Amino acid sequence: MSGLLGIGTSALLANQRALAVTGNNIANANTEGYSRQRVDFSARHVPGQMLGQGVESGLIERYTDSFANQRLTQSVSSHASVASGADLAGRLDLLLSDPATGLSDPLRAFVDAVDAWAADPNATETRVQLLGQAETMAQRFGQVQDGLDSFTQEINTRVGGAVDRINTLSQNIAELNDQIALNGGLGSGQQPNGLLDERDRLVNELASLIDVQTVPQDDGSLNVMVGNGQGLVVGKQTSLIGIEPGATPVDPVSVTVAGSDISAQISGGELGGLMAFRRDVLEPAQQDLSALAQGLADTVNAAQAAGVDASGVAGTALFATSPPSARLEVLLDDPQALASAPAGAAAGSGDNSNALALADALRSPAVNGLSLQDAHVALVSGVGSSARRLEATETAEAALMANNLELRDAVSGVNLDEEAANMLRYQQAYQAAAQIIATANEMFESLLAAAR
């Protein structure tokens, strides 16, 4: 009787435990990063006895695939990098290409004003119109430069925020490493499944900020590397990431770990995307914009220096620049100071050859072998091409990340239909075990009654 009672009791306890684990799976079906669990069953045997002695519930197994997790981490990092760059590039493209904010209309209007002045150089109206268009164009250059400056400030702010979050996540992962090692790690005995799930979730969140490499250790801890293998988390120890002023104005922030500059080695995560956008899109756009402003100023100022104004006095510069900024300052406020006639011409001369020369120069190579209009088109199309490329890449990376998430969930995710079936199966087994105990009790009672 005791054998039958023990068998029933062991089945009752084992299935009760399985029901609890199944219920926990169902409860966490929507918990981010949760890995489904199962109870291992094994038959109990006593040496020397042929008849089994019931069932034992062993370890609670955590269903996970390290390769699937690693692929997901990598795709999370790649997608976050491209997504941050695509967003910024799209906004920069809009700034430069939108007629309301870009340079296309002011440049065209300025060239048209020069043509009108060259056609009628002594008309006060054409001179006033030309100075007005020069002011409008200078203001638009300043507004575009303000936009580029705001991108730089935003990137620096977001880099600082990302670094703070990276350091917080690193410390949290180090603390989990310590707890996992203390709770048995991945060796013999029950694994701390909840801690392992939480650590995997934090690693993916960290990867969304910076590309990482992970190396599991024998005690269950996980070392996290960045850059060319610099240790960010080693066991329960962390190395904080810092930011330092860059060597040049176009490189205002350098990222360091343990004192070493790893800026050039970061390629993934939001941090990598921000730095790649600044390096590959924003800085070239700033350089091209500055070159455009300088080429425009040099072309107009050279024409002014080659001629005389309405009073017969040598012309003076119309624009001042302040490289590497693309800001322009209009230096003249007197329409009569525009030099339409060639040097040596008398005051009030109707000779417009110098104005015509300026009109031709504005259509001639002035910026890296391109005319001003073509240089502007190259600037806008270059940023637009980068924006479209990043947008297409972001779409592809999003699909890849979704696919890797599905592969991870195929192993670790909770299937509610399967869990419902398991719940029913364990419930029936539990009820059957209870019936075994009840039967054993009835048999014992019958035996006692027969002995009275």
Protein backbone atom coordinates (compact mmCIF):
# COMPACT_ATOMS: atom_id res chain seq x y z
CA MET A 1 0.00 0.00 0.00
CA SER A 2 2.77 2.37 0.91
CA GLY A 3 4.32 1.83 -2.56
CA LEU A 4 1.07 2.68 -4.31
CA LEU A 5 0.52 5.66 -2.04
CA GLY A 6 4.07 6.89 -2.69
CA ILE A 7 3.63 6.51 -6.44
CA GLY A 8 0.41 8.50 -6.34
CA THR A 9 1.92 11.18 -4.11
CA SER A 10 4.96 11.59 -6.36
CA ALA A 11 2.71 11.94 -9.43
CA LEU A 12 0.49 14.42 -7.59
CA LEU A 13 3.45 16.65 -6.62
CA ALA A 14 5.16 16.39 -10.00
CA ASN A 15 2.07 17.36 -11.96
CA GLN A 16 1.25 20.10 -9.48
CA ARG A 17 4.68 21.56 -10.19
CA ALA A 18 4.17 21.20 -13.94
CA LEU A 19 0.82 22.98 -13.65
CA ALA A 20 2.53 25.85 -11.81
CA VAL A 21 5.21 26.17 -14.49
CA THR A 22 2.60 26.05 -17.27
CA GLY A 23 0.56 28.71 -15.49
CA ASN A 24 3.69 30.86 -15.21
CA ASN A 25 4.27 30.47 -18.96
CA ILE A 26 0.73 31.61 -19.68
CA ALA A 27 1.05 34.54 -17.29
CA ASN A 28 4.25 35.70 -19.05
CA ALA A 29 3.12 35.10 -22.62
CA ASN A 30 3.40 38.85 -23.30
CA THR A 31 6.43 39.53 -21.11
CA GLU A 32 9.30 40.87 -23.21
CA GLY A 33 12.27 38.53 -23.24
CA TYR A 34 10.55 35.72 -21.34
CA SER A 35 11.65 32.19 -22.30
CA ARG A 36 9.13 29.39 -21.87
CA GLN A 37 9.90 26.73 -19.29
CA ARG A 38 9.22 23.04 -18.86
CA VAL A 39 9.55 20.61 -15.96
CA ASP A 40 11.76 17.58 -16.58
CA PHE A 41 10.17 14.30 -15.44
CA SER A 42 12.07 11.11 -14.70
CA ALA A 43 10.96 7.73 -13.35
CA ARG A 44 11.96 6.92 -9.77
CA HIS A 45 13.67 3.61 -9.20
CA VAL A 46 14.95 1.85 -6.11
CA PRO A 47 18.01 -0.34 -6.63
CA GLY A 48 17.12 -4.03 -6.54
CA GLN A 49 13.43 -3.47 -7.23
CA MET A 50 11.90 -4.17 -10.61
CA LEU A 51 8.77 -2.11 -10.01
CA GLY A 52 9.13 1.64 -10.37
CA GLN A 53 8.51 3.93 -7.44
CA GLY A 54 6.72 6.79 -9.17
CA VAL A 55 8.00 9.97 -10.82
CA GLU A 56 10.42 12.73 -9.96
CA SER A 57 10.15 16.31 -11.22
CA GLY A 58 13.63 17.52 -12.00
CA LEU A 59 14.98 20.85 -13.19
CA ILE A 60 12.79 23.53 -14.67
CA GLU A 61 14.28 23.81 -18.16
CA ARG A 62 14.51 27.15 -19.93
CA TYR A 63 13.98 26.83 -23.68
CA THR A 64 16.53 29.03 -25.43
CA ASP A 65 18.90 28.97 -28.40
CA SER A 66 22.13 30.92 -27.91
CA PHE A 67 22.65 31.25 -31.66
CA ALA A 68 19.14 32.61 -32.22
CA ASN A 69 19.64 35.04 -29.35
CA GLN A 70 22.97 36.18 -30.79
CA ARG A 71 21.47 36.75 -34.25
CA LEU A 72 18.65 38.76 -32.71
CA THR A 73 21.11 40.88 -30.72
CA GLN A 74 23.13 41.63 -33.86
CA SER A 75 20.06 42.56 -35.89
CA VAL A 76 18.74 44.78 -33.08
CA SER A 77 22.06 46.65 -33.13
CA SER A 78 22.14 46.97 -36.93
CA HIS A 79 18.54 48.15 -37.16
CA ALA A 80 18.93 50.75 -34.41
CA SER A 81 22.01 52.14 -36.13
CA VAL A 82 20.36 52.50 -39.53
CA ALA A 83 17.05 53.74 -38.08
CA SER A 84 18.67 56.63 -36.23
CA GLY A 85 20.68 57.62 -39.32
CA ALA A 86 17.66 57.31 -41.64
CA ASP A 87 15.56 59.60 -39.45
CA LEU A 88 18.26 62.28 -39.31
CA ALA A 89 19.09 62.03 -43.02
CA GLY A 90 15.43 62.35 -43.97
CA ARG A 91 15.08 65.50 -41.90
CA LEU A 92 18.29 66.99 -43.32
CA ASP A 93 17.11 66.20 -46.86
CA LEU A 94 13.85 68.03 -46.13
CA LEU A 95 15.75 71.05 -44.77
CA LEU A 96 17.91 71.35 -47.89
CA SER A 97 15.37 70.44 -50.56
CA ASP A 98 12.18 72.10 -49.36
CA PRO A 99 11.67 75.42 -51.21
CA ALA A 100 10.54 77.03 -47.97
CA THR A 101 13.82 76.21 -46.16
CA GLY A 102 16.39 75.42 -48.87
CA LEU A 103 18.65 77.58 -51.00
CA SER A 104 17.27 76.81 -54.45
CA ASP A 105 14.82 79.71 -54.74
CA PRO A 106 17.08 82.40 -53.14
CA LEU A 107 20.02 81.39 -55.37
CA ARG A 108 17.89 81.49 -58.48
CA ALA A 109 16.38 84.83 -57.49
CA PHE A 110 19.84 86.30 -56.87
CA VAL A 111 21.13 85.16 -60.28
CA ASP A 112 17.99 86.58 -61.92
CA ALA A 113 18.55 89.88 -60.09
CA VAL A 114 22.14 90.02 -61.41
CA ASP A 115 20.83 89.42 -64.94
CA ALA A 116 18.29 92.23 -64.56
CA TRP A 117 20.96 94.59 -63.21
CA ALA A 118 23.37 93.69 -66.01
CA ALA A 119 20.64 94.43 -68.57
CA ASP A 120 19.94 97.87 -67.06
CA PRO A 121 22.90 98.80 -64.81
CA ASN A 122 22.01 102.44 -64.25
CA ALA A 123 18.46 101.78 -63.09
CA THR A 124 18.16 102.29 -59.35
CA GLU A 125 15.38 99.72 -59.26
CA THR A 126 17.60 96.89 -60.52
CA ARG A 127 20.35 97.82 -58.07
CA VAL A 128 17.94 97.92 -55.11
CA GLN A 129 16.46 94.60 -56.17
CA LEU A 130 19.93 93.03 -56.38
CA LEU A 131 20.87 94.16 -52.86
CA GLY A 132 17.51 92.93 -51.57
CA GLN A 133 18.05 89.49 -53.09
CA ALA A 134 21.57 89.43 -51.65
CA GLU A 135 20.12 90.04 -48.17
CA THR A 136 17.45 87.38 -48.68
CA MET A 137 20.04 84.86 -49.82
CA ALA A 138 22.38 85.67 -46.93
CA GLN A 139 19.51 85.18 -44.48
CA ARG A 140 18.65 81.81 -46.04
CA PHE A 141 22.28 80.67 -45.84
CA GLY A 142 22.18 81.62 -42.16
CA GLN A 143 18.94 79.71 -41.61
CA VAL A 144 20.33 76.60 -43.28
CA GLN A 145 23.48 76.91 -41.18
CA ASP A 146 21.30 77.21 -38.07
CA GLY A 147 19.60 73.98 -39.15
CA LEU A 148 22.91 72.17 -39.52
CA ASP A 149 24.07 73.51 -36.17
CA SER A 150 20.88 72.19 -34.56
CA PHE A 151 21.64 68.74 -36.00
CA THR A 152 25.11 68.85 -34.44
CA GLN A 153 23.66 69.90 -31.08
CA GLU A 154 21.00 67.18 -31.24
CA ILE A 155 23.58 64.52 -32.07
CA ASN A 156 25.81 65.60 -29.18
CA THR A 157 22.86 65.57 -26.78
CA ARG A 158 21.69 62.15 -27.98
CA VAL A 159 25.23 60.76 -27.79
CA GLY A 160 25.42 61.93 -24.18
CA GLY A 161 22.05 60.37 -23.38
CA ALA A 162 23.01 57.10 -25.07
CA VAL A 163 26.27 56.95 -23.12
CA ASP A 164 24.42 57.46 -19.83
CA ARG A 165 21.99 54.63 -20.68
CA ILE A 166 24.84 52.37 -21.78
CA ASN A 167 26.58 52.86 -18.45
CA THR A 168 23.37 52.17 -16.52
CA LEU A 169 22.66 49.00 -18.51
CA SER A 170 26.26 47.83 -18.11
CA GLN A 171 26.02 48.15 -14.34
CA ASN A 172 22.70 46.31 -14.33
CA ILE A 173 24.17 43.46 -16.40
CA ALA A 174 27.16 43.27 -14.04
CA GLU A 175 24.80 43.01 -11.06
CA LEU A 176 22.86 40.22 -12.79
CA ASN A 177 26.14 38.43 -13.53
CA ASP A 178 26.90 38.48 -9.83
CA GLN A 179 23.45 37.16 -8.88
CA ILE A 180 23.54 34.44 -11.55
CA ALA A 181 26.96 33.24 -10.38
CA LEU A 182 25.75 33.18 -6.77
CA ASN A 183 22.59 31.25 -7.77
CA GLY A 184 24.40 28.42 -9.44
CA GLY A 185 25.11 29.89 -12.84
CA LEU A 186 24.84 27.42 -15.70
CA GLY A 187 26.41 24.48 -13.91
CA SER A 188 24.65 21.67 -12.11
CA GLY A 189 21.43 22.41 -10.28
CA GLN A 190 18.53 24.66 -11.07
CA GLN A 191 19.37 27.62 -13.32
CA PRO A 192 18.14 31.10 -12.32
CA ASN A 193 15.87 31.30 -15.35
CA GLY A 194 14.31 34.65 -14.55
CA LEU A 195 17.72 36.29 -14.10
CA LEU A 196 18.96 34.82 -17.38
CA ASP A 197 15.92 36.16 -19.24
CA GLU A 198 16.38 39.61 -17.72
CA ARG A 199 20.07 39.65 -18.64
CA ASP A 200 19.31 38.69 -22.25
CA ARG A 201 16.74 41.47 -22.42
CA LEU A 202 19.23 44.02 -21.10
CA VAL A 203 21.89 42.84 -23.55
CA ASN A 204 19.47 43.44 -26.43
CA GLU A 205 18.62 46.86 -25.07
CA LEU A 206 22.35 47.59 -24.80
CA ALA A 207 22.85 46.40 -28.39
CA SER A 208 20.23 48.89 -29.53
CA LEU A 209 22.59 51.60 -28.26
CA ILE A 210 26.02 50.22 -29.23
CA ASP A 211 27.28 47.15 -31.05
CA VAL A 212 28.47 44.54 -28.56
CA GLN A 213 30.09 41.12 -28.49
CA THR A 214 29.26 38.69 -25.68
CA VAL A 215 31.39 35.90 -24.23
CA PRO A 216 29.75 33.45 -21.77
CA GLN A 217 31.83 32.36 -18.77
CA ASP A 218 31.93 29.06 -16.86
CA ASP A 219 30.29 30.57 -13.77
CA GLY A 220 27.27 31.70 -15.80
CA SER A 221 28.32 35.34 -16.08
CA LEU A 222 28.47 37.07 -19.46
CA ASN A 223 31.31 39.35 -20.52
CA VAL A 224 30.30 42.18 -22.84
CA MET A 225 32.83 43.74 -25.22
CA VAL A 226 32.70 46.87 -27.37
CA GLY A 227 34.96 48.35 -30.03
CA ASN A 228 37.93 46.12 -30.76
CA GLY A 229 37.32 43.93 -27.74
CA GLN A 230 37.46 46.46 -24.92
CA GLY A 231 35.68 45.03 -21.91
CA LEU A 232 32.51 46.89 -21.02
CA VAL A 233 31.28 44.24 -18.56
CA VAL A 234 33.66 41.62 -17.20
CA GLY A 235 31.96 39.45 -14.61
CA LYS A 236 30.59 41.86 -12.04
CA GLN A 237 32.98 44.66 -13.03
CA THR A 238 32.15 47.46 -15.48
CA SER A 239 34.19 50.01 -17.40
CA LEU A 240 32.26 53.23 -17.88
CA ILE A 241 31.98 54.82 -21.30
CA GLY A 242 32.80 58.52 -21.42
CA ILE A 243 32.64 61.36 -23.91
CA GLU A 244 35.40 63.85 -24.57
CA PRO A 245 35.58 67.00 -26.76
CA GLY A 246 36.89 66.17 -30.21
CA ALA A 247 40.05 67.49 -31.76
CA THR A 248 38.22 69.57 -34.39
CA PRO A 249 34.91 71.47 -34.56
CA VAL A 250 33.49 68.87 -36.96
CA ASP A 251 34.33 66.10 -34.48
CA PRO A 252 32.93 67.60 -31.27
CA VAL A 253 32.51 64.37 -29.33
CA SER A 254 34.77 61.36 -28.89
CA VAL A 255 33.56 58.19 -27.14
CA THR A 256 36.00 56.50 -24.76
CA VAL A 257 36.03 53.35 -22.65
CA ALA A 258 38.64 52.98 -19.94
CA GLY A 259 40.36 56.04 -21.40
CA SER A 260 40.67 54.64 -24.93
CA ASP A 261 38.98 56.43 -27.84
CA ILE A 262 36.68 53.94 -29.59
CA SER A 263 34.76 56.44 -31.74
CA ALA A 264 36.08 55.02 -35.02
CA GLN A 265 35.28 51.45 -33.93
CA ILE A 266 31.59 51.98 -33.17
CA SER A 267 29.37 50.90 -36.04
CA GLY A 268 26.14 49.60 -34.51
CA GLY A 269 23.35 50.72 -32.24
CA GLU A 270 21.94 54.22 -31.94
CA LEU A 271 25.36 55.53 -30.96
CA GLY A 272 26.95 54.09 -34.09
CA GLY A 273 24.15 55.45 -36.25
CA LEU A 274 24.49 58.95 -34.82
CA MET A 275 28.22 59.03 -35.33
CA ALA A 276 27.98 57.55 -38.85
CA PHE A 277 25.38 60.17 -39.83
CA ARG A 278 27.58 62.96 -38.52
CA ARG A 279 30.66 61.58 -40.27
CA ASP A 280 29.15 60.46 -43.59
CA VAL A 281 26.24 62.85 -44.14
CA LEU A 282 26.23 65.92 -41.90
CA GLU A 283 29.92 66.84 -42.07
CA PRO A 284 30.14 66.51 -45.90
CA ALA A 285 26.95 68.57 -46.20
CA GLN A 286 28.46 71.24 -43.94
CA GLN A 287 31.65 71.29 -45.99
CA ASP A 288 29.75 71.51 -49.28
CA LEU A 289 27.48 74.25 -47.94
CA SER A 290 30.48 76.22 -46.67
CA ALA A 291 32.22 75.79 -50.04
CA LEU A 292 29.08 77.00 -51.81
CA ALA A 293 28.88 80.12 -49.64
CA GLN A 294 32.59 80.81 -50.09
CA GLY A 295 32.41 80.24 -53.86
CA LEU A 296 29.47 82.60 -54.16
CA ALA A 297 31.18 85.30 -52.08
CA ASP A 298 34.48 84.93 -53.95
CA THR A 299 32.76 85.13 -57.36
CA VAL A 300 30.75 88.23 -56.53
CA ASN A 301 33.57 89.95 -54.64
CA ALA A 302 36.03 89.31 -57.48
CA ALA A 303 33.62 90.95 -59.92
CA GLN A 304 33.21 93.89 -57.57
CA ALA A 305 36.98 94.32 -57.31
CA ALA A 306 37.33 94.22 -61.10
CA GLY A 307 34.97 97.14 -61.72
CA VAL A 308 33.88 100.58 -60.59
CA ASP A 309 30.63 101.70 -59.03
CA ALA A 310 28.22 104.39 -60.21
CA SER A 311 30.58 107.07 -58.85
CA GLY A 312 33.57 105.72 -60.75
CA VAL A 313 35.15 104.40 -57.54
CA ALA A 314 36.67 100.92 -57.38
CA GLY A 315 34.11 98.40 -56.23
CA THR A 316 34.28 96.82 -52.77
CA ALA A 317 33.26 93.40 -51.48
CA LEU A 318 29.55 92.65 -51.33
CA PHE A 319 29.80 89.58 -49.07
CA ALA A 320 31.84 88.54 -46.04
CA THR A 321 32.18 84.91 -44.96
CA SER A 322 33.22 83.14 -41.76
CA PRO A 323 34.43 79.61 -42.62
CA PRO A 324 33.79 76.84 -41.77
CA SER A 325 30.36 78.33 -41.22
CA ALA A 326 28.29 79.00 -44.33
CA ARG A 327 26.98 82.29 -43.00
CA LEU A 328 27.11 85.30 -45.33
CA GLU A 329 27.09 88.95 -44.36
CA VAL A 330 26.07 91.65 -46.85
CA LEU A 331 28.56 94.50 -46.54
CA LEU A 332 26.95 97.07 -48.86
CA ASP A 333 23.78 99.04 -48.22
CA ASP A 334 24.17 101.62 -51.02
CA PRO A 335 22.79 100.40 -54.38
CA GLN A 336 25.16 102.77 -56.18
CA ALA A 337 28.14 100.84 -54.75
CA LEU A 338 27.51 97.96 -57.14
CA ALA A 339 30.27 97.88 -59.77
CA SER A 340 28.68 97.36 -63.18
CA ALA A 341 31.34 99.10 -65.28
CA PRO A 342 34.92 97.91 -65.85
CA ALA A 343 37.89 99.50 -64.12
CA GLY A 344 38.76 102.90 -65.57
CA ALA A 345 35.21 103.73 -66.62
CA ALA A 346 33.88 107.17 -65.77
CA ALA A 347 31.18 107.88 -63.21
CA GLY A 348 27.70 107.08 -64.47
CA SER A 349 29.08 105.02 -67.33
CA GLY A 350 26.53 102.90 -69.14
CA ASP A 351 29.19 100.25 -69.76
CA ASN A 352 27.74 97.06 -68.26
CA SER A 353 30.58 94.69 -69.19
CA ASN A 354 31.55 94.07 -65.57
CA ALA A 355 27.96 93.22 -64.61
CA LEU A 356 27.72 90.90 -67.60
CA ALA A 357 30.99 89.28 -66.54
CA LEU A 358 29.48 88.62 -63.10
CA ALA A 359 26.37 87.10 -64.69
CA ASP A 360 28.61 84.78 -66.71
CA ALA A 361 30.76 83.94 -63.68
CA LEU A 362 27.72 82.88 -61.68
CA ARG A 363 27.10 80.24 -64.35
CA SER A 364 30.74 79.18 -64.66
CA PRO A 365 32.71 76.69 -62.51
CA ALA A 366 33.20 78.23 -59.08
CA VAL A 367 32.98 75.37 -56.54
CA ASN A 368 35.06 72.24 -57.10
CA GLY A 369 34.69 72.55 -60.86
CA LEU A 370 30.93 73.16 -60.69
CA SER A 371 28.82 76.24 -61.15
CA LEU A 372 27.05 77.57 -58.07
CA GLN A 373 23.72 76.12 -59.18
CA ASP A 374 25.27 72.74 -59.98
CA ALA A 375 27.17 72.72 -56.69
CA HIS A 376 23.90 73.32 -54.86
CA VAL A 377 22.19 70.52 -56.81
CA ALA A 378 25.09 68.20 -55.95
CA LEU A 379 24.74 69.10 -52.25
CA VAL A 380 20.99 68.45 -52.18
CA SER A 381 21.13 65.29 -54.30
CA GLY A 382 24.00 63.90 -52.20
CA VAL A 383 22.02 64.24 -48.98
CA GLY A 384 18.87 62.97 -50.72
CA SER A 385 20.72 59.91 -52.00
CA SER A 386 22.00 59.15 -48.49
CA ALA A 387 18.50 59.56 -47.08
CA ARG A 388 16.99 57.16 -49.63
CA ARG A 389 19.78 54.62 -49.13
CA LEU A 390 19.38 54.68 -45.35
CA GLU A 391 15.60 54.45 -45.65
CA ALA A 392 15.86 51.37 -47.88
CA THR A 393 18.45 49.80 -45.60
CA GLU A 394 16.29 50.50 -42.54
CA THR A 395 13.37 48.69 -44.18
CA ALA A 396 15.57 45.68 -44.91
CA GLU A 397 17.07 45.67 -41.40
CA ALA A 398 13.60 45.91 -39.85
CA ALA A 399 12.49 42.86 -41.82
CA LEU A 400 15.64 40.96 -40.82
CA MET A 401 15.14 41.85 -37.16
CA ALA A 402 11.50 40.73 -37.30
CA ASN A 403 12.60 37.45 -38.87
CA ASN A 404 15.25 36.87 -36.21
CA LEU A 405 12.69 37.67 -33.50
CA GLU A 406 10.38 35.04 -34.99
CA LEU A 407 13.21 32.50 -35.00
CA ARG A 408 13.97 33.31 -31.38
CA ASP A 409 10.31 33.08 -30.40
CA ALA A 410 9.96 29.78 -32.24
CA VAL A 411 12.27 28.34 -29.60
CA SER A 412 11.68 30.55 -26.57
CA GLY A 413 8.27 32.11 -27.11
CA VAL A 414 5.10 30.98 -25.36
CA ASN A 415 2.46 29.33 -27.55
CA LEU A 416 -0.84 29.74 -25.72
CA ASP A 417 -2.51 26.87 -27.60
CA GLU A 418 0.30 24.54 -26.62
CA GLU A 419 0.22 25.74 -23.03
CA ALA A 420 -3.56 25.24 -22.87
CA ALA A 421 -3.09 21.66 -24.07
CA ASN A 422 -0.35 21.12 -21.49
CA MET A 423 -2.57 22.57 -18.79
CA LEU A 424 -5.30 20.07 -19.65
CA ARG A 425 -2.83 17.18 -19.82
CA TYR A 426 -1.23 17.98 -16.45
CA GLN A 427 -4.65 18.58 -14.88
CA GLN A 428 -5.85 15.16 -15.99
CA ALA A 429 -2.63 13.57 -14.75
CA TYR A 430 -3.04 15.40 -11.43
CA GLN A 431 -6.61 14.11 -11.08
CA ALA A 432 -5.50 10.58 -11.97
CA ALA A 433 -2.74 10.77 -9.35
CA ALA A 434 -5.29 11.90 -6.79
CA GLN A 435 -7.41 8.90 -7.75
CA ILE A 436 -4.41 6.61 -7.19
CA ILE A 437 -4.06 8.03 -3.69
CA ALA A 438 -7.79 7.63 -3.06
CA THR A 439 -7.66 4.02 -4.32
CA ALA A 440 -4.65 3.26 -2.13
CA ASN A 441 -6.50 4.70 0.83
CA GLU A 442 -9.62 2.62 0.11
CA MET A 443 -7.52 -0.52 -0.19
CA PHE A 444 -5.82 0.27 3.11
CA GLU A 445 -9.19 0.87 4.79
CA SER A 446 -10.51 -2.44 3.38
CA LEU A 447 -7.47 -4.28 4.70
CA LEU A 448 -7.96 -2.80 8.17
CA ALA A 449 -11.65 -3.72 8.12
CA ALA A 450 -10.86 -7.29 7.16
CA ALA A 451 -8.38 -7.61 10.03
CA ARG A 452 -10.87 -6.50 12.70
